[in-house]
Amino acid sequence: MKSSMSSSSPTSSSSTSANPYAYAKGICNNILQLDKSIRFAGIANNMGTLMGYKVREGLIPLLNEAELENNIMKTVLRMKTREDFESKLGEVIYTFALYKRVKRASIPLSGHNQDMAVLTVSFDMAADHDSTIMDKILPFLKQSELIH
């Protein structure tokens, strides 16, 4: 699925209320542009439904559409179960999984847009994922008011 950018900025709050799915796609497109090692960015809502995603141009996805939707739903469920321990461990910044073929991180979204629950990002194996997340993705999400 290709992302299409609307004329309004993906970080403007007016675009979230008009079409949250187009807004999510725009955010994913912007995330992909932050670093060349990012393969995929996807945003899901609290019900685990994929609201929008973007795959790096020229890349053949590792999961088909049905597998991706199923995987994202499980990602949101896992993130929700972690909330049970936040009072003792602190808020989740991001979670990370290293697979043999890809690196993957999930970032809980807590900003003004209550429709969006989790951003999932995958990286090339050689990527410095922690620096990309901490120095590029999180500041972008904060600026976009998607995290506190």
N, C-alpha and C. Protein backbone atom coordinates (compact mmCIF):
# COMPACT_ATOMS: atom_id res chain seq x y z
N MET A 1 0.85 -1.16 0.00
CA MET A 1 0.00 0.00 0.00
C MET A 1 0.89 1.22 0.00
N LYS A 2 0.66 2.13 -0.91
CA LYS A 2 1.43 3.36 -0.97
C LYS A 2 0.78 4.41 -0.11
N SER A 3 1.58 5.20 0.55
CA SER A 3 1.06 6.31 1.34
C SER A 3 0.87 7.50 0.45
N SER A 4 -0.21 8.21 0.67
CA SER A 4 -0.39 9.46 -0.05
C SER A 4 -0.48 10.57 0.96
N MET A 5 0.22 11.63 0.68
CA MET A 5 0.23 12.76 1.59
C MET A 5 -0.88 13.71 1.20
N SER A 6 -1.63 14.18 2.17
CA SER A 6 -2.65 15.18 1.91
C SER A 6 -1.99 16.55 1.95
N SER A 7 -2.76 17.56 1.57
CA SER A 7 -2.18 18.90 1.54
C SER A 7 -1.91 19.44 2.92
N SER A 8 -2.59 18.92 3.95
CA SER A 8 -2.30 19.39 5.30
C SER A 8 -1.13 18.62 5.87
N SER A 9 -0.41 19.26 6.75
CA SER A 9 0.76 18.66 7.37
C SER A 9 0.38 17.47 8.22
N PRO A 10 1.16 16.37 8.19
CA PRO A 10 0.83 15.21 9.00
C PRO A 10 0.92 15.49 10.49
N THR A 11 1.48 16.61 10.87
CA THR A 11 1.58 16.91 12.29
C THR A 11 0.52 17.90 12.75
N SER A 12 -0.34 18.34 11.85
CA SER A 12 -1.38 19.29 12.27
C SER A 12 -2.57 18.54 12.85
N SER A 13 -3.11 19.05 13.93
CA SER A 13 -4.21 18.35 14.59
C SER A 13 -5.47 18.34 13.75
N SER A 14 -5.64 19.31 12.84
CA SER A 14 -6.83 19.33 12.01
C SER A 14 -6.86 18.13 11.07
N SER A 15 -5.70 17.64 10.65
CA SER A 15 -5.67 16.49 9.75
C SER A 15 -6.02 15.20 10.48
N THR A 16 -5.84 15.14 11.80
CA THR A 16 -6.15 13.92 12.53
C THR A 16 -7.64 13.71 12.62
N SER A 17 -8.41 14.76 12.84
CA SER A 17 -9.84 14.60 13.00
C SER A 17 -10.52 14.37 11.66
N ALA A 18 -9.99 14.95 10.58
CA ALA A 18 -10.61 14.80 9.27
C ALA A 18 -10.47 13.37 8.75
N ASN A 19 -9.29 12.81 8.83
CA ASN A 19 -9.06 11.45 8.35
C ASN A 19 -7.87 10.85 9.10
N PRO A 20 -8.15 10.16 10.21
CA PRO A 20 -7.04 9.61 11.01
C PRO A 20 -6.20 8.58 10.25
N TYR A 21 -6.79 7.89 9.27
CA TYR A 21 -6.04 6.89 8.51
C TYR A 21 -5.04 7.56 7.57
N ALA A 22 -5.45 8.64 6.92
CA ALA A 22 -4.52 9.39 6.07
C ALA A 22 -3.43 10.03 6.91
N TYR A 23 -3.79 10.51 8.09
CA TYR A 23 -2.81 11.09 9.01
C TYR A 23 -1.77 10.05 9.42
N ALA A 24 -2.23 8.83 9.76
CA ALA A 24 -1.32 7.75 10.15
C ALA A 24 -0.37 7.41 9.00
N LYS A 25 -0.89 7.34 7.78
CA LYS A 25 -0.04 7.06 6.62
C LYS A 25 1.01 8.15 6.44
N GLY A 26 0.60 9.39 6.64
CA GLY A 26 1.55 10.50 6.53
C GLY A 26 2.65 10.44 7.56
N ILE A 27 2.29 10.09 8.78
CA ILE A 27 3.30 9.93 9.84
C ILE A 27 4.27 8.81 9.46
N CYS A 28 3.75 7.70 8.98
CA CYS A 28 4.61 6.58 8.58
C CYS A 28 5.57 6.98 7.46
N ASN A 29 5.07 7.74 6.51
CA ASN A 29 5.92 8.23 5.43
C ASN A 29 7.05 9.09 5.99
N ASN A 30 6.71 9.97 6.92
CA ASN A 30 7.73 10.83 7.53
C ASN A 30 8.75 10.02 8.34
N ILE A 31 8.29 8.99 9.04
CA ILE A 31 9.20 8.13 9.81
C ILE A 31 10.21 7.47 8.86
N LEU A 32 9.72 6.95 7.73
CA LEU A 32 10.61 6.29 6.78
C LEU A 32 11.70 7.23 6.27
N GLN A 33 11.40 8.50 6.17
CA GLN A 33 12.36 9.47 5.66
C GLN A 33 13.42 9.86 6.70
N LEU A 34 13.25 9.46 7.96
CA LEU A 34 14.20 9.83 9.01
C LEU A 34 15.54 9.12 8.89
N ASP A 35 15.55 7.90 8.35
CA ASP A 35 16.80 7.14 8.27
C ASP A 35 16.69 6.09 7.17
N LYS A 36 17.75 5.93 6.40
CA LYS A 36 17.72 4.99 5.27
C LYS A 36 17.67 3.53 5.71
N SER A 37 17.95 3.25 6.98
CA SER A 37 17.90 1.86 7.47
C SER A 37 16.49 1.41 7.86
N ILE A 38 15.53 2.32 7.85
CA ILE A 38 14.16 1.97 8.21
C ILE A 38 13.49 1.30 7.01
N ARG A 39 12.99 0.10 7.24
CA ARG A 39 12.34 -0.69 6.19
C ARG A 39 10.83 -0.47 6.15
N PHE A 40 10.25 -0.30 7.33
CA PHE A 40 8.78 -0.29 7.46
C PHE A 40 8.40 0.57 8.65
N ALA A 41 7.30 1.28 8.53
CA ALA A 41 6.69 1.97 9.66
C ALA A 41 5.19 1.77 9.55
N GLY A 42 4.57 1.38 10.66
CA GLY A 42 3.12 1.16 10.68
C GLY A 42 2.52 1.61 11.99
N ILE A 43 1.32 2.15 11.94
CA ILE A 43 0.61 2.61 13.13
C ILE A 43 -0.69 1.83 13.27
N ALA A 44 -0.92 1.35 14.50
CA ALA A 44 -2.16 0.62 14.80
C ALA A 44 -2.94 1.36 15.87
N ASN A 45 -4.25 1.13 15.88
CA ASN A 45 -5.09 1.73 16.91
C ASN A 45 -5.18 0.80 18.12
N ASN A 46 -5.94 1.21 19.12
CA ASN A 46 -6.07 0.43 20.36
C ASN A 46 -6.70 -0.94 20.17
N MET A 47 -7.43 -1.13 19.08
CA MET A 47 -8.05 -2.42 18.80
C MET A 47 -7.12 -3.34 18.00
N GLY A 48 -5.93 -2.84 17.66
CA GLY A 48 -4.97 -3.64 16.91
C GLY A 48 -5.15 -3.56 15.41
N THR A 49 -5.98 -2.64 14.95
CA THR A 49 -6.19 -2.46 13.51
C THR A 49 -5.11 -1.56 12.94
N LEU A 50 -4.52 -2.00 11.86
CA LEU A 50 -3.50 -1.22 11.19
C LEU A 50 -4.16 -0.02 10.53
N MET A 51 -3.78 1.17 10.97
CA MET A 51 -4.37 2.41 10.45
C MET A 51 -3.65 2.89 9.19
N GLY A 52 -2.37 2.67 9.14
CA GLY A 52 -1.59 3.09 7.99
C GLY A 52 -0.19 2.57 8.12
N TYR A 53 0.46 2.38 6.97
CA TYR A 53 1.85 1.95 7.00
C TYR A 53 2.54 2.37 5.71
N LYS A 54 3.84 2.26 5.75
CA LYS A 54 4.66 2.58 4.58
C LYS A 54 5.85 1.64 4.59
N VAL A 55 6.15 1.09 3.42
CA VAL A 55 7.31 0.22 3.23
C VAL A 55 8.31 0.99 2.37
N ARG A 56 9.59 0.86 2.71
CA ARG A 56 10.63 1.53 1.93
C ARG A 56 10.51 1.16 0.46
N GLU A 57 10.62 2.16 -0.36
CA GLU A 57 10.50 1.95 -1.80
C GLU A 57 11.51 0.94 -2.31
N GLY A 58 11.05 0.03 -3.16
CA GLY A 58 11.90 -0.99 -3.74
C GLY A 58 12.10 -2.22 -2.88
N LEU A 59 11.54 -2.21 -1.69
CA LEU A 59 11.71 -3.32 -0.75
C LEU A 59 10.58 -4.33 -0.91
N ILE A 60 10.92 -5.60 -0.91
CA ILE A 60 9.90 -6.65 -0.92
C ILE A 60 9.60 -6.99 0.53
N PRO A 61 8.35 -6.76 0.99
CA PRO A 61 8.01 -7.01 2.40
C PRO A 61 8.20 -8.48 2.78
N LEU A 62 8.60 -8.73 4.02
CA LEU A 62 8.78 -10.09 4.52
C LEU A 62 7.44 -10.74 4.85
N LEU A 63 6.42 -9.93 5.17
CA LEU A 63 5.09 -10.44 5.50
C LEU A 63 4.08 -9.95 4.47
N ASN A 64 3.11 -10.82 4.14
CA ASN A 64 2.04 -10.36 3.25
C ASN A 64 1.03 -9.55 4.07
N GLU A 65 0.04 -8.99 3.42
CA GLU A 65 -0.91 -8.09 4.08
C GLU A 65 -1.63 -8.76 5.26
N ALA A 66 -2.11 -9.97 5.09
CA ALA A 66 -2.82 -10.67 6.17
C ALA A 66 -1.89 -10.97 7.34
N GLU A 67 -0.67 -11.41 7.05
CA GLU A 67 0.31 -11.69 8.11
C GLU A 67 0.68 -10.41 8.86
N LEU A 68 0.83 -9.33 8.12
CA LEU A 68 1.15 -8.04 8.72
C LEU A 68 0.04 -7.60 9.67
N GLU A 69 -1.20 -7.66 9.24
CA GLU A 69 -2.32 -7.26 10.08
C GLU A 69 -2.41 -8.11 11.34
N ASN A 70 -2.19 -9.42 11.20
CA ASN A 70 -2.22 -10.32 12.35
C ASN A 70 -1.07 -10.00 13.31
N ASN A 71 0.10 -9.76 12.76
CA ASN A 71 1.27 -9.45 13.56
C ASN A 71 1.09 -8.14 14.32
N ILE A 72 0.55 -7.14 13.68
CA ILE A 72 0.33 -5.84 14.31
C ILE A 72 -0.70 -5.96 15.43
N MET A 73 -1.75 -6.74 15.22
CA MET A 73 -2.76 -6.94 16.26
C MET A 73 -2.11 -7.55 17.51
N LYS A 74 -1.24 -8.53 17.33
CA LYS A 74 -0.55 -9.15 18.45
C LYS A 74 0.44 -8.19 19.11
N THR A 75 1.04 -7.31 18.32
CA THR A 75 1.95 -6.30 18.86
C THR A 75 1.21 -5.38 19.82
N VAL A 76 0.03 -4.92 19.42
CA VAL A 76 -0.77 -4.04 20.28
C VAL A 76 -1.18 -4.77 21.55
N LEU A 77 -1.57 -6.02 21.43
CA LEU A 77 -1.95 -6.82 22.61
C LEU A 77 -0.78 -6.96 23.58
N ARG A 78 0.41 -7.27 23.05
CA ARG A 78 1.60 -7.38 23.92
C ARG A 78 1.90 -6.05 24.61
N MET A 79 1.76 -4.96 23.86
CA MET A 79 2.05 -3.65 24.44
C MET A 79 1.05 -3.35 25.55
N LYS A 80 -0.21 -3.71 25.37
CA LYS A 80 -1.23 -3.46 26.39
C LYS A 80 -0.95 -4.27 27.66
N THR A 81 -0.43 -5.49 27.52
CA THR A 81 -0.14 -6.30 28.71
C THR A 81 1.02 -5.72 29.51
N ARG A 82 1.89 -4.99 28.85
CA ARG A 82 3.02 -4.37 29.56
C ARG A 82 2.57 -3.25 30.48
N GLU A 83 1.41 -2.66 30.20
CA GLU A 83 0.90 -1.56 31.03
C GLU A 83 0.70 -2.00 32.48
N ASP A 84 0.47 -3.29 32.69
CA ASP A 84 0.24 -3.82 34.05
C ASP A 84 1.45 -3.58 34.96
N PHE A 85 2.63 -3.44 34.39
CA PHE A 85 3.85 -3.33 35.19
C PHE A 85 4.47 -1.94 35.17
N GLU A 86 3.83 -1.01 34.48
CA GLU A 86 4.40 0.33 34.37
C GLU A 86 4.51 1.05 35.71
N SER A 87 3.62 0.74 36.64
CA SER A 87 3.69 1.42 37.94
C SER A 87 4.98 1.06 38.67
N LYS A 88 5.53 -0.11 38.39
CA LYS A 88 6.78 -0.52 39.05
C LYS A 88 8.01 -0.34 38.17
N LEU A 89 7.85 -0.53 36.87
CA LEU A 89 9.01 -0.48 35.96
C LEU A 89 9.17 0.86 35.25
N GLY A 90 8.12 1.67 35.24
CA GLY A 90 8.12 2.91 34.47
C GLY A 90 7.46 2.69 33.12
N GLU A 91 7.17 3.78 32.44
CA GLU A 91 6.52 3.68 31.13
C GLU A 91 7.45 3.05 30.11
N VAL A 92 6.87 2.27 29.21
CA VAL A 92 7.63 1.67 28.12
C VAL A 92 8.04 2.79 27.16
N ILE A 93 9.30 2.84 26.82
CA ILE A 93 9.80 3.77 25.81
C ILE A 93 9.67 3.12 24.44
N TYR A 94 10.24 1.92 24.32
CA TYR A 94 10.03 1.09 23.14
C TYR A 94 10.41 -0.33 23.48
N THR A 95 9.88 -1.26 22.71
CA THR A 95 10.27 -2.67 22.84
C THR A 95 11.01 -3.05 21.55
N PHE A 96 11.83 -4.08 21.65
CA PHE A 96 12.68 -4.45 20.53
C PHE A 96 12.75 -5.96 20.37
N ALA A 97 12.73 -6.40 19.12
CA ALA A 97 12.92 -7.82 18.81
C ALA A 97 13.95 -7.94 17.70
N LEU A 98 14.88 -8.85 17.90
CA LEU A 98 15.89 -9.14 16.89
C LEU A 98 15.55 -10.49 16.27
N TYR A 99 15.23 -10.46 14.99
CA TYR A 99 14.95 -11.68 14.23
C TYR A 99 16.18 -11.98 13.38
N LYS A 100 16.22 -13.13 12.76
CA LYS A 100 17.35 -13.47 11.90
C LYS A 100 17.40 -12.60 10.64
N ARG A 101 16.24 -12.06 10.23
CA ARG A 101 16.20 -11.31 8.97
C ARG A 101 15.88 -9.82 9.13
N VAL A 102 15.51 -9.40 10.33
CA VAL A 102 15.09 -8.02 10.50
C VAL A 102 15.13 -7.63 11.97
N LYS A 103 15.30 -6.34 12.22
CA LYS A 103 15.17 -5.79 13.57
C LYS A 103 13.82 -5.08 13.62
N ARG A 104 13.15 -5.16 14.78
CA ARG A 104 11.82 -4.58 14.86
C ARG A 104 11.60 -3.95 16.22
N ALA A 105 11.05 -2.75 16.22
CA ALA A 105 10.75 -2.04 17.46
C ALA A 105 9.30 -1.59 17.46
N SER A 106 8.72 -1.54 18.64
CA SER A 106 7.36 -1.03 18.82
C SER A 106 7.40 0.08 19.86
N ILE A 107 6.75 1.18 19.53
CA ILE A 107 6.77 2.37 20.39
C ILE A 107 5.32 2.71 20.75
N PRO A 108 4.99 2.72 22.04
CA PRO A 108 3.62 3.09 22.43
C PRO A 108 3.41 4.59 22.17
N LEU A 109 2.24 4.90 21.64
CA LEU A 109 1.90 6.29 21.36
C LEU A 109 0.95 6.78 22.45
N SER A 110 1.23 7.95 22.97
CA SER A 110 0.46 8.44 24.13
C SER A 110 0.07 9.91 23.99
N GLY A 111 0.14 10.42 22.79
CA GLY A 111 -0.09 11.84 22.60
C GLY A 111 -1.56 12.21 22.48
N HIS A 112 -1.80 13.33 21.83
CA HIS A 112 -3.14 13.89 21.73
C HIS A 112 -4.08 13.05 20.88
N ASN A 113 -3.56 12.23 19.99
CA ASN A 113 -4.41 11.43 19.12
C ASN A 113 -4.66 10.07 19.76
N GLN A 114 -5.80 9.92 20.40
CA GLN A 114 -6.12 8.69 21.14
C GLN A 114 -6.41 7.51 20.23
N ASP A 115 -6.62 7.76 18.92
CA ASP A 115 -6.86 6.66 17.98
C ASP A 115 -5.61 5.80 17.79
N MET A 116 -4.46 6.40 17.91
CA MET A 116 -3.21 5.72 17.61
C MET A 116 -2.59 5.14 18.87
N ALA A 117 -2.29 3.83 18.84
CA ALA A 117 -1.77 3.16 20.03
C ALA A 117 -0.30 2.80 19.94
N VAL A 118 0.13 2.27 18.79
CA VAL A 118 1.49 1.74 18.67
C VAL A 118 2.06 2.04 17.29
N LEU A 119 3.31 2.48 17.29
CA LEU A 119 4.09 2.61 16.06
C LEU A 119 5.04 1.43 16.02
N THR A 120 5.03 0.69 14.92
CA THR A 120 5.97 -0.41 14.73
C THR A 120 6.92 -0.03 13.60
N VAL A 121 8.20 -0.22 13.84
CA VAL A 121 9.23 0.14 12.87
C VAL A 121 10.16 -1.05 12.69
N SER A 122 10.49 -1.39 11.44
CA SER A 122 11.50 -2.43 11.23
C SER A 122 12.72 -1.80 10.57
N PHE A 123 13.86 -2.42 10.84
CA PHE A 123 15.16 -1.90 10.41
C PHE A 123 15.97 -2.98 9.70
N ASP A 124 16.87 -2.52 8.84
CA ASP A 124 17.86 -3.42 8.26
C ASP A 124 18.70 -4.01 9.38
N MET A 125 19.29 -5.16 9.16
CA MET A 125 20.09 -5.83 10.18
C MET A 125 21.30 -5.01 10.63
N ALA A 126 21.90 -4.25 9.74
CA ALA A 126 23.10 -3.48 10.08
C ALA A 126 22.77 -2.15 10.77
N ALA A 127 21.50 -1.84 10.93
CA ALA A 127 21.09 -0.55 11.48
C ALA A 127 21.49 -0.39 12.94
N ASP A 128 21.80 0.84 13.32
CA ASP A 128 21.96 1.20 14.73
C ASP A 128 20.57 1.63 15.20
N HIS A 129 19.73 0.66 15.48
CA HIS A 129 18.31 0.93 15.77
C HIS A 129 18.12 1.82 17.00
N ASP A 130 18.93 1.61 18.04
CA ASP A 130 18.73 2.39 19.26
C ASP A 130 18.97 3.88 19.01
N SER A 131 20.04 4.22 18.32
CA SER A 131 20.31 5.63 18.02
C SER A 131 19.23 6.21 17.11
N THR A 132 18.80 5.44 16.14
CA THR A 132 17.75 5.92 15.23
C THR A 132 16.47 6.19 16.00
N ILE A 133 16.12 5.29 16.91
CA ILE A 133 14.90 5.48 17.70
C ILE A 133 15.05 6.67 18.65
N MET A 134 16.12 6.68 19.43
CA MET A 134 16.29 7.69 20.47
C MET A 134 16.58 9.09 19.90
N ASP A 135 17.34 9.16 18.81
CA ASP A 135 17.79 10.45 18.29
C ASP A 135 16.95 10.99 17.14
N LYS A 136 16.19 10.13 16.50
CA LYS A 136 15.41 10.58 15.33
C LYS A 136 13.91 10.33 15.49
N ILE A 137 13.53 9.08 15.77
CA ILE A 137 12.10 8.75 15.80
C ILE A 137 11.40 9.37 17.00
N LEU A 138 11.93 9.17 18.20
CA LEU A 138 11.26 9.73 19.39
C LEU A 138 11.16 11.25 19.34
N PRO A 139 12.22 11.98 18.95
CA PRO A 139 12.05 13.43 18.84
C PRO A 139 10.97 13.82 17.81
N PHE A 140 10.90 13.10 16.69
CA PHE A 140 9.86 13.38 15.71
C PHE A 140 8.47 13.13 16.29
N LEU A 141 8.30 12.02 17.02
CA LEU A 141 7.00 11.72 17.62
C LEU A 141 6.61 12.75 18.66
N LYS A 142 7.59 13.20 19.43
CA LYS A 142 7.33 14.23 20.43
C LYS A 142 6.91 15.55 19.76
N GLN A 143 7.64 15.94 18.74
CA GLN A 143 7.31 17.15 17.99
C GLN A 143 5.92 17.05 17.36
N SER A 144 5.55 15.84 16.93
CA SER A 144 4.25 15.61 16.31
C SER A 144 3.14 15.40 17.35
N GLU A 145 3.50 15.49 18.63
CA GLU A 145 2.58 15.32 19.75
C GLU A 145 1.93 13.93 19.78
N LEU A 146 2.71 12.91 19.38
CA LEU A 146 2.23 11.54 19.43
C LEU A 146 2.74 10.80 20.65
N ILE A 147 3.73 11.41 21.34
CA ILE A 147 4.17 10.92 22.65
C ILE A 147 4.36 12.13 23.54
N HIS A 148 4.36 11.88 24.85
CA HIS A 148 4.55 12.99 25.81
C HIS A 148 6.01 13.20 26.09
